Amino acid sequence: MNFLKYSLLRFALLVLAFLLCMWLGVGLVLSGIAAVAISFAVSYLFFPRLHTAAGEEVHRWFARAPKPRNRGALEDQEVEDAYVDRRLREDGREL
């Protein structure tokens, strides 16, 4: 939800800055460039907690490890985990 809030806030700032630049007669291309820069700077400087929360939310979305779907893969994963845990205990590097 934080990602959606932050994205909508940045989009609203982008549109507002673009319309303001167009109203001032800056030009289409320069208004677009200025709007992107302004929306990035304002959202980054004035909403750091929302920026951080949105980044963490996106990280959680992509950091999820896919779960194996078949029984053989689950058994292989359990055997590998047990082997790694045993090796770590033997080396004295327990988690």
N, C-alpha and C. Protein backbone atom coordinates (compact mmCIF):
# COMPACT_ATOMS: atom_id res chain seq x y z
N MET A 1 0.82 -1.18 0.00
CA MET A 1 0.00 0.00 0.00
C MET A 1 0.87 1.25 0.00
N ASN A 2 2.02 1.17 0.68
CA ASN A 2 2.92 2.32 0.72
C ASN A 2 3.46 2.65 -0.66
N PHE A 3 3.71 1.60 -1.45
CA PHE A 3 4.22 1.82 -2.80
C PHE A 3 3.19 2.57 -3.64
N LEU A 4 1.94 2.20 -3.49
CA LEU A 4 0.87 2.86 -4.23
C LEU A 4 0.73 4.32 -3.80
N LYS A 5 0.77 4.57 -2.50
CA LYS A 5 0.69 5.95 -2.00
C LYS A 5 1.84 6.79 -2.54
N TYR A 6 3.04 6.24 -2.46
CA TYR A 6 4.22 6.99 -2.89
C TYR A 6 4.18 7.24 -4.41
N SER A 7 3.75 6.24 -5.16
CA SER A 7 3.66 6.40 -6.61
C SER A 7 2.62 7.45 -7.00
N LEU A 8 1.48 7.41 -6.35
CA LEU A 8 0.44 8.41 -6.64
C LEU A 8 0.88 9.81 -6.24
N LEU A 9 1.57 9.92 -5.12
CA LEU A 9 2.09 11.21 -4.69
C LEU A 9 3.09 11.77 -5.70
N ARG A 10 4.00 10.93 -6.15
CA ARG A 10 4.99 11.38 -7.13
C ARG A 10 4.34 11.74 -8.46
N PHE A 11 3.33 10.96 -8.87
CA PHE A 11 2.63 11.26 -10.11
C PHE A 11 1.88 12.59 -10.01
N ALA A 12 1.23 12.82 -8.86
CA ALA A 12 0.52 14.09 -8.66
C ALA A 12 1.49 15.27 -8.69
N LEU A 13 2.64 15.10 -8.05
CA LEU A 13 3.66 16.16 -8.09
C LEU A 13 4.17 16.38 -9.50
N LEU A 14 4.34 15.31 -10.25
CA LEU A 14 4.81 15.41 -11.63
C LEU A 14 3.82 16.19 -12.49
N VAL A 15 2.54 15.84 -12.37
CA VAL A 15 1.52 16.53 -13.17
C VAL A 15 1.43 18.00 -12.76
N LEU A 16 1.45 18.26 -11.46
CA LEU A 16 1.37 19.64 -10.98
C LEU A 16 2.56 20.47 -11.47
N ALA A 17 3.76 19.91 -11.37
CA ALA A 17 4.95 20.64 -11.82
C ALA A 17 4.93 20.84 -13.34
N PHE A 18 4.47 19.83 -14.07
CA PHE A 18 4.39 19.95 -15.52
C PHE A 18 3.41 21.05 -15.93
N LEU A 19 2.25 21.04 -15.31
CA LEU A 19 1.25 22.06 -15.65
C LEU A 19 1.72 23.46 -15.27
N LEU A 20 2.40 23.57 -14.16
CA LEU A 20 2.94 24.87 -13.76
C LEU A 20 3.99 25.36 -14.76
N CYS A 21 4.88 24.47 -15.18
CA CYS A 21 5.89 24.86 -16.16
C CYS A 21 5.27 25.22 -17.50
N MET A 22 4.26 24.49 -17.91
CA MET A 22 3.58 24.81 -19.17
C MET A 22 2.87 26.16 -19.07
N TRP A 23 2.27 26.42 -17.93
CA TRP A 23 1.58 27.70 -17.71
C TRP A 23 2.58 28.86 -17.76
N LEU A 24 3.80 28.61 -17.28
CA LEU A 24 4.84 29.63 -17.31
C LEU A 24 5.47 29.78 -18.69
N GLY A 25 5.14 28.89 -19.62
CA GLY A 25 5.64 28.98 -20.99
C GLY A 25 7.05 28.47 -21.17
N VAL A 26 7.43 27.48 -20.41
CA VAL A 26 8.80 26.96 -20.47
C VAL A 26 9.02 26.13 -21.74
N GLY A 27 8.01 25.47 -22.21
CA GLY A 27 8.13 24.60 -23.38
C GLY A 27 7.85 23.16 -23.00
N LEU A 28 7.47 22.37 -23.98
CA LEU A 28 7.02 21.01 -23.71
C LEU A 28 8.14 20.12 -23.17
N VAL A 29 9.26 20.07 -23.85
CA VAL A 29 10.35 19.17 -23.45
C VAL A 29 10.96 19.60 -22.13
N LEU A 30 11.26 20.88 -22.02
CA LEU A 30 11.86 21.39 -20.79
C LEU A 30 10.89 21.28 -19.61
N SER A 31 9.60 21.43 -19.87
CA SER A 31 8.60 21.25 -18.81
C SER A 31 8.59 19.81 -18.33
N GLY A 32 8.70 18.86 -19.24
CA GLY A 32 8.75 17.45 -18.85
C GLY A 32 9.98 17.12 -18.03
N ILE A 33 11.11 17.62 -18.45
CA ILE A 33 12.36 17.37 -17.72
C ILE A 33 12.30 18.01 -16.34
N ALA A 34 11.84 19.24 -16.28
CA ALA A 34 11.74 19.95 -15.01
C ALA A 34 10.73 19.26 -14.08
N ALA A 35 9.61 18.79 -14.63
CA ALA A 35 8.60 18.14 -13.81
C ALA A 35 9.13 16.85 -13.19
N VAL A 36 9.89 16.10 -13.96
CA VAL A 36 10.47 14.86 -13.42
C VAL A 36 11.46 15.20 -12.31
N ALA A 37 12.31 16.16 -12.53
CA ALA A 37 13.30 16.54 -11.53
C ALA A 37 12.63 17.10 -10.27
N ILE A 38 11.65 17.94 -10.44
CA ILE A 38 10.96 18.54 -9.29
C ILE A 38 10.21 17.48 -8.50
N SER A 39 9.49 16.60 -9.19
CA SER A 39 8.72 15.58 -8.47
C SER A 39 9.63 14.62 -7.73
N PHE A 40 10.76 14.27 -8.34
CA PHE A 40 11.72 13.40 -7.66
C PHE A 40 12.28 14.09 -6.42
N ALA A 41 12.73 15.32 -6.56
CA ALA A 41 13.37 16.03 -5.45
C ALA A 41 12.39 16.27 -4.30
N VAL A 42 11.19 16.74 -4.62
CA VAL A 42 10.22 17.05 -3.56
C VAL A 42 9.80 15.78 -2.82
N SER A 43 9.51 14.72 -3.55
CA SER A 43 9.09 13.49 -2.88
C SER A 43 10.22 12.87 -2.07
N TYR A 44 11.43 12.95 -2.56
CA TYR A 44 12.57 12.38 -1.85
C TYR A 44 12.92 13.17 -0.60
N LEU A 45 12.86 14.50 -0.68
CA LEU A 45 13.25 15.35 0.44
C LEU A 45 12.17 15.48 1.51
N PHE A 46 10.91 15.56 1.10
CA PHE A 46 9.86 15.85 2.06
C PHE A 46 9.07 14.62 2.52
N PHE A 47 9.27 13.48 1.91
CA PHE A 47 8.56 12.26 2.30
C PHE A 47 9.52 11.07 2.43
N PRO A 48 10.55 11.19 3.29
CA PRO A 48 11.55 10.11 3.37
C PRO A 48 11.00 8.82 3.99
N ARG A 49 10.10 8.94 4.97
CA ARG A 49 9.56 7.72 5.58
C ARG A 49 8.71 6.93 4.59
N LEU A 50 7.91 7.64 3.80
CA LEU A 50 7.09 6.98 2.80
C LEU A 50 7.97 6.37 1.71
N HIS A 51 9.05 7.06 1.34
CA HIS A 51 10.00 6.56 0.35
C HIS A 51 10.64 5.25 0.85
N THR A 52 11.06 5.24 2.10
CA THR A 52 11.68 4.06 2.67
C THR A 52 10.70 2.90 2.78
N ALA A 53 9.49 3.20 3.23
CA ALA A 53 8.48 2.14 3.37
C ALA A 53 8.11 1.55 2.00
N ALA A 54 8.01 2.39 0.99
CA ALA A 54 7.70 1.90 -0.36
C ALA A 54 8.84 1.04 -0.89
N GLY A 55 10.07 1.45 -0.64
CA GLY A 55 11.22 0.66 -1.08
C GLY A 55 11.29 -0.69 -0.39
N GLU A 56 10.98 -0.73 0.90
CA GLU A 56 10.98 -1.99 1.63
C GLU A 56 9.86 -2.91 1.13
N GLU A 57 8.73 -2.32 0.80
CA GLU A 57 7.62 -3.11 0.28
C GLU A 57 7.97 -3.75 -1.07
N VAL A 58 8.60 -2.98 -1.94
CA VAL A 58 9.02 -3.52 -3.23
C VAL A 58 10.08 -4.60 -3.03
N HIS A 59 10.98 -4.39 -2.08
CA HIS A 59 12.00 -5.40 -1.80
C HIS A 59 11.37 -6.70 -1.32
N ARG A 60 10.35 -6.62 -0.46
CA ARG A 60 9.67 -7.82 0.01
C ARG A 60 8.98 -8.55 -1.15
N TRP A 61 8.46 -7.81 -2.11
CA TRP A 61 7.80 -8.45 -3.26
C TRP A 61 8.78 -9.29 -4.07
N PHE A 62 9.98 -8.76 -4.29
CA PHE A 62 10.95 -9.43 -5.15
C PHE A 62 11.89 -10.36 -4.40
N ALA A 63 11.94 -10.28 -3.09
CA ALA A 63 12.86 -11.10 -2.32
C ALA A 63 12.27 -12.46 -1.96
N ARG A 64 11.03 -12.66 -2.24
CA ARG A 64 10.41 -13.94 -1.91
C ARG A 64 11.01 -15.06 -2.74
N ALA A 65 11.40 -16.10 -2.06
CA ALA A 65 11.94 -17.27 -2.77
C ALA A 65 10.77 -18.14 -3.21
N PRO A 66 10.76 -18.55 -4.45
CA PRO A 66 9.67 -19.41 -4.91
C PRO A 66 9.72 -20.77 -4.21
N LYS A 67 8.56 -21.24 -3.81
CA LYS A 67 8.49 -22.53 -3.14
C LYS A 67 8.41 -23.64 -4.18
N PRO A 68 9.15 -24.71 -3.94
CA PRO A 68 9.08 -25.84 -4.88
C PRO A 68 7.66 -26.41 -4.92
N ARG A 69 7.26 -26.87 -6.08
CA ARG A 69 5.88 -27.33 -6.25
C ARG A 69 5.72 -28.84 -6.10
N ASN A 70 6.78 -29.60 -6.31
CA ASN A 70 6.59 -31.05 -6.24
C ASN A 70 7.28 -31.63 -5.01
N ARG A 71 6.89 -32.83 -4.67
CA ARG A 71 7.38 -33.48 -3.47
C ARG A 71 8.89 -33.75 -3.53
N GLY A 72 9.38 -34.14 -4.68
CA GLY A 72 10.82 -34.41 -4.83
C GLY A 72 11.67 -33.18 -4.57
N ALA A 73 11.23 -32.05 -5.07
CA ALA A 73 11.98 -30.82 -4.85
C ALA A 73 11.96 -30.42 -3.39
N LEU A 74 10.83 -30.64 -2.71
CA LEU A 74 10.76 -30.34 -1.27
C LEU A 74 11.71 -31.23 -0.48
N GLU A 75 11.76 -32.51 -0.83
CA GLU A 75 12.67 -33.43 -0.14
C GLU A 75 14.13 -33.05 -0.40
N ASP A 76 14.45 -32.70 -1.63
CA ASP A 76 15.81 -32.26 -1.96
C ASP A 76 16.19 -31.02 -1.16
N GLN A 77 15.25 -30.10 -1.04
CA GLN A 77 15.51 -28.87 -0.30
C GLN A 77 15.77 -29.18 1.18
N GLU A 78 15.00 -30.09 1.76
CA GLU A 78 15.19 -30.46 3.16
C GLU A 78 16.55 -31.12 3.37
N VAL A 79 16.95 -32.00 2.44
CA VAL A 79 18.25 -32.67 2.54
C VAL A 79 19.38 -31.64 2.44
N GLU A 80 19.27 -30.72 1.51
CA GLU A 80 20.29 -29.68 1.35
C GLU A 80 20.38 -28.80 2.59
N ASP A 81 19.23 -28.41 3.15
CA ASP A 81 19.23 -27.59 4.36
C ASP A 81 19.87 -28.32 5.53
N ALA A 82 19.56 -29.62 5.66
CA ALA A 82 20.15 -30.40 6.75
C ALA A 82 21.66 -30.51 6.57
N TYR A 83 22.12 -30.70 5.35
CA TYR A 83 23.56 -30.79 5.07
C TYR A 83 24.27 -29.48 5.41
N VAL A 84 23.69 -28.38 5.00
CA VAL A 84 24.31 -27.07 5.28
C VAL A 84 24.34 -26.81 6.77
N ASP A 85 23.26 -27.12 7.47
CA ASP A 85 23.22 -26.93 8.93
C ASP A 85 24.28 -27.78 9.62
N ARG A 86 24.44 -29.03 9.19
CA ARG A 86 25.43 -29.92 9.78
C ARG A 86 26.84 -29.40 9.54
N ARG A 87 27.11 -28.94 8.32
CA ARG A 87 28.45 -28.40 8.00
C ARG A 87 28.75 -27.13 8.81
N LEU A 88 27.75 -26.30 9.00
CA LEU A 88 27.96 -25.09 9.80
C LEU A 88 28.26 -25.44 11.25
N ARG A 89 27.56 -26.45 11.81
CA ARG A 89 27.82 -26.88 13.18
C ARG A 89 29.22 -27.47 13.31
N GLU A 90 29.64 -28.24 12.32
CA GLU A 90 30.97 -28.84 12.35
C GLU A 90 32.06 -27.77 12.30
N ASP A 91 31.82 -26.73 11.55
CA ASP A 91 32.80 -25.66 11.41
C ASP A 91 32.72 -24.65 12.54
N GLY A 92 31.71 -24.79 13.42
CA GLY A 92 31.57 -23.87 14.55
C GLY A 92 30.94 -22.55 14.15
N ARG A 93 30.21 -22.52 13.07
CA ARG A 93 29.57 -21.27 12.61
C ARG A 93 28.05 -21.41 12.66
N GLU A 94 27.52 -21.76 13.83
CA GLU A 94 26.08 -21.95 13.92
C GLU A 94 25.36 -20.63 13.73
N LEU A 95 24.15 -20.75 13.22
CA LEU A 95 23.34 -19.54 12.99
C LEU A 95 22.74 -19.04 14.24
